[in-house]
Amino acid sequence: MASDALLRMAEETHHLARDFMHQNQWAAAIEELQADGLEDFLVPGTLPLDRVMMEQAHVFWNCSAGTESGQGRWAQGPAPDGLGEFEYFADPRPLTTDMGLAPQPNPLLHGTDKQPTPPMSVGPNPRGNGHDGQSILDTAVDKLTGNR
């Protein structure tokens, strides 16, 4: 139980750090737009820093093919918030050894049919509604057009 709470807290601080990085990333990109005379920008600084994993707060994780994203203002140089320098991770790795792999479930707990389940005749999108195999849409169209 305690380890679950610690894990959730660690995930929260990492997510806050990522949000922190994203805010700085946008601020840096907008700074470029301002330098080009294309945009004006103002960001409030209300994020509680004691809840942020600061070692990740200015790290740009390249999750794209190639390294072109490292050329932007958002990946290098001083962060607009004045609290750090942008750092570029070209090939980021998870911050945990947990790969998110759950153990195989007991197959007796899941009743999956070996054959495909036939279409339902009731429910939100029934295959037929008892009117000569017509779909509910066909029945509605017939009622609206007076065909039946």
Protein backbone atom coordinates (compact mmCIF):
# COMPACT_ATOMS: atom_id res chain seq x y z
CA MET A 1 0.00 0.00 0.00
CA ALA A 2 2.71 2.49 0.98
CA SER A 3 4.71 1.63 -2.12
CA ASP A 4 1.64 2.34 -4.29
CA ALA A 5 1.28 5.75 -2.68
CA LEU A 6 4.99 6.47 -3.20
CA LEU A 7 4.75 5.38 -6.83
CA ARG A 8 1.73 7.62 -7.43
CA MET A 9 3.56 10.53 -5.77
CA ALA A 10 6.70 9.90 -7.88
CA GLU A 11 4.56 9.73 -11.03
CA GLU A 12 2.83 12.96 -10.04
CA THR A 13 6.12 14.80 -9.50
CA HIS A 14 7.40 13.51 -12.86
CA HIS A 15 4.18 14.59 -14.59
CA LEU A 16 4.44 18.01 -12.99
CA ALA A 17 8.05 18.24 -14.17
CA ARG A 18 6.96 17.32 -17.70
CA ASP A 19 4.23 19.97 -17.52
CA PHE A 20 6.85 22.42 -16.29
CA MET A 21 9.06 21.53 -19.27
CA HIS A 22 6.16 21.89 -21.69
CA GLN A 23 5.32 25.34 -20.36
CA ASN A 24 8.94 26.39 -20.80
CA GLN A 25 9.05 24.77 -24.25
CA TRP A 26 6.04 26.78 -25.36
CA ALA A 27 7.46 29.92 -23.79
CA ALA A 28 10.73 29.44 -25.73
CA ALA A 29 8.88 28.81 -29.00
CA ILE A 30 6.74 31.90 -28.43
CA GLU A 31 9.91 33.84 -27.61
CA GLU A 32 11.12 32.99 -31.12
CA LEU A 33 7.80 34.19 -32.55
CA GLN A 34 8.13 37.42 -30.56
CA ALA A 35 11.65 37.96 -31.90
CA ASP A 36 10.21 37.62 -35.39
CA GLY A 37 7.48 40.13 -34.50
CA LEU A 38 4.72 37.54 -34.82
CA GLU A 39 3.42 36.99 -31.27
CA ASP A 40 3.03 38.51 -27.80
CA PHE A 41 3.04 36.28 -24.71
CA LEU A 42 2.44 36.25 -20.96
CA VAL A 43 2.61 33.20 -18.63
CA PRO A 44 1.62 33.16 -14.96
CA GLY A 45 4.02 31.29 -12.67
CA THR A 46 1.64 29.59 -10.24
CA LEU A 47 2.98 26.02 -10.33
CA PRO A 48 4.14 24.88 -6.85
CA LEU A 49 7.87 24.17 -7.35
CA ASP A 50 8.10 21.90 -4.31
CA ARG A 51 5.90 19.42 -6.16
CA VAL A 52 7.99 19.43 -9.36
CA MET A 53 10.82 16.98 -10.14
CA MET A 54 13.13 19.87 -10.98
CA GLU A 55 15.83 17.65 -12.54
CA GLN A 56 13.29 16.96 -15.32
CA ALA A 57 11.69 20.41 -15.44
CA HIS A 58 13.89 21.69 -18.29
CA VAL A 59 14.59 18.46 -20.18
CA PHE A 60 13.35 18.09 -23.76
CA TRP A 61 12.72 14.40 -24.49
CA ASN A 62 13.10 13.70 -28.19
CA CYS A 63 10.39 11.15 -28.94
CA SER A 64 10.49 11.73 -32.70
CA ALA A 65 12.53 10.25 -35.50
CA GLY A 66 15.68 12.26 -36.12
CA THR A 67 17.21 14.99 -34.00
CA GLU A 68 15.86 18.13 -35.67
CA SER A 69 13.80 18.95 -32.58
CA GLY A 70 17.07 19.60 -30.73
CA GLN A 71 17.72 22.65 -32.91
CA GLY A 72 14.84 24.67 -31.49
CA ARG A 73 15.13 27.29 -28.78
CA TRP A 74 13.01 25.01 -26.56
CA ALA A 75 15.79 22.38 -26.42
CA GLN A 76 18.86 24.46 -25.64
CA GLY A 77 19.89 27.57 -23.77
CA PRO A 78 18.35 29.29 -20.77
CA ALA A 79 14.72 28.52 -19.95
CA PRO A 80 12.38 31.54 -20.06
CA ASP A 81 11.43 30.98 -16.42
CA GLY A 82 15.03 31.76 -15.36
CA LEU A 83 15.19 28.60 -13.25
CA GLY A 84 17.43 26.47 -15.43
CA GLU A 85 18.95 25.59 -18.78
CA PHE A 86 17.17 23.47 -21.37
CA GLU A 87 18.69 20.04 -21.80
CA TYR A 88 18.14 17.83 -24.85
CA PHE A 89 17.75 14.04 -24.47
CA ALA A 90 18.20 12.60 -27.96
CA ASP A 91 17.35 9.04 -26.88
CA PRO A 92 15.37 9.19 -23.63
CA ARG A 93 14.89 6.15 -21.43
CA PRO A 94 12.16 5.44 -18.86
CA LEU A 95 12.77 6.77 -15.36
CA THR A 96 11.74 3.40 -13.92
CA THR A 97 12.60 -0.25 -14.33
CA ASP A 98 8.87 -1.06 -14.31
CA MET A 99 8.04 -1.79 -17.93
CA GLY A 100 4.31 -1.87 -17.23
CA LEU A 101 4.03 -5.58 -17.91
CA ALA A 102 1.37 -7.27 -15.86
CA PRO A 103 1.52 -11.01 -15.21
CA GLN A 104 -0.57 -13.22 -17.48
CA PRO A 105 -4.16 -13.32 -16.20
CA ASN A 106 -5.87 -16.56 -15.33
CA PRO A 107 -7.77 -17.55 -18.52
CA LEU A 108 -10.62 -18.88 -16.38
CA LEU A 109 -11.34 -15.31 -15.24
CA HIS A 110 -12.16 -14.12 -18.76
CA GLY A 111 -14.96 -15.74 -20.73
CA THR A 112 -13.79 -15.10 -24.28
CA ASP A 113 -15.68 -17.18 -26.84
CA LYS A 114 -13.62 -19.25 -29.24
CA GLN A 115 -16.04 -18.31 -32.05
CA PRO A 116 -17.04 -14.77 -33.02
CA THR A 117 -20.15 -13.55 -31.25
CA PRO A 118 -23.05 -13.08 -33.68
CA PRO A 119 -24.54 -9.60 -34.02
CA MET A 120 -26.99 -8.68 -31.29
CA SER A 121 -30.66 -8.21 -32.03
CA VAL A 122 -31.06 -5.73 -29.16
CA GLY A 123 -28.96 -2.90 -27.85
CA PRO A 124 -27.85 0.49 -29.14
CA ASN A 125 -27.08 -0.75 -32.69
CA PRO A 126 -29.08 -3.93 -33.22
CA ARG A 127 -28.58 -5.95 -36.37
CA GLY A 128 -32.28 -6.59 -36.73
CA ASN A 129 -35.29 -5.57 -34.71
CA GLY A 130 -37.79 -8.24 -35.60
CA HIS A 131 -39.15 -6.41 -38.66
CA ASP A 132 -38.16 -8.87 -41.38
CA GLY A 133 -34.47 -8.54 -40.50
CA GLN A 134 -34.40 -4.80 -41.12
CA SER A 135 -31.98 -2.70 -39.16
CA ILE A 136 -33.31 -0.06 -36.83
CA LEU A 137 -32.12 2.59 -39.32
CA ASP A 138 -34.06 0.94 -42.16
CA THR A 139 -37.17 0.85 -39.97
CA ALA A 140 -36.76 4.54 -39.07
CA VAL A 141 -36.30 5.52 -42.72
CA ASP A 142 -39.40 3.50 -43.68
CA LYS A 143 -41.45 5.19 -40.94
CA LEU A 144 -40.26 8.67 -41.96
CA THR A 145 -40.83 8.12 -45.65
CA GLY A 146 -44.12 6.28 -45.15
CA ASN A 147 -42.89 3.12 -46.91
CA ARG A 148 -44.45 0.91 -44.20
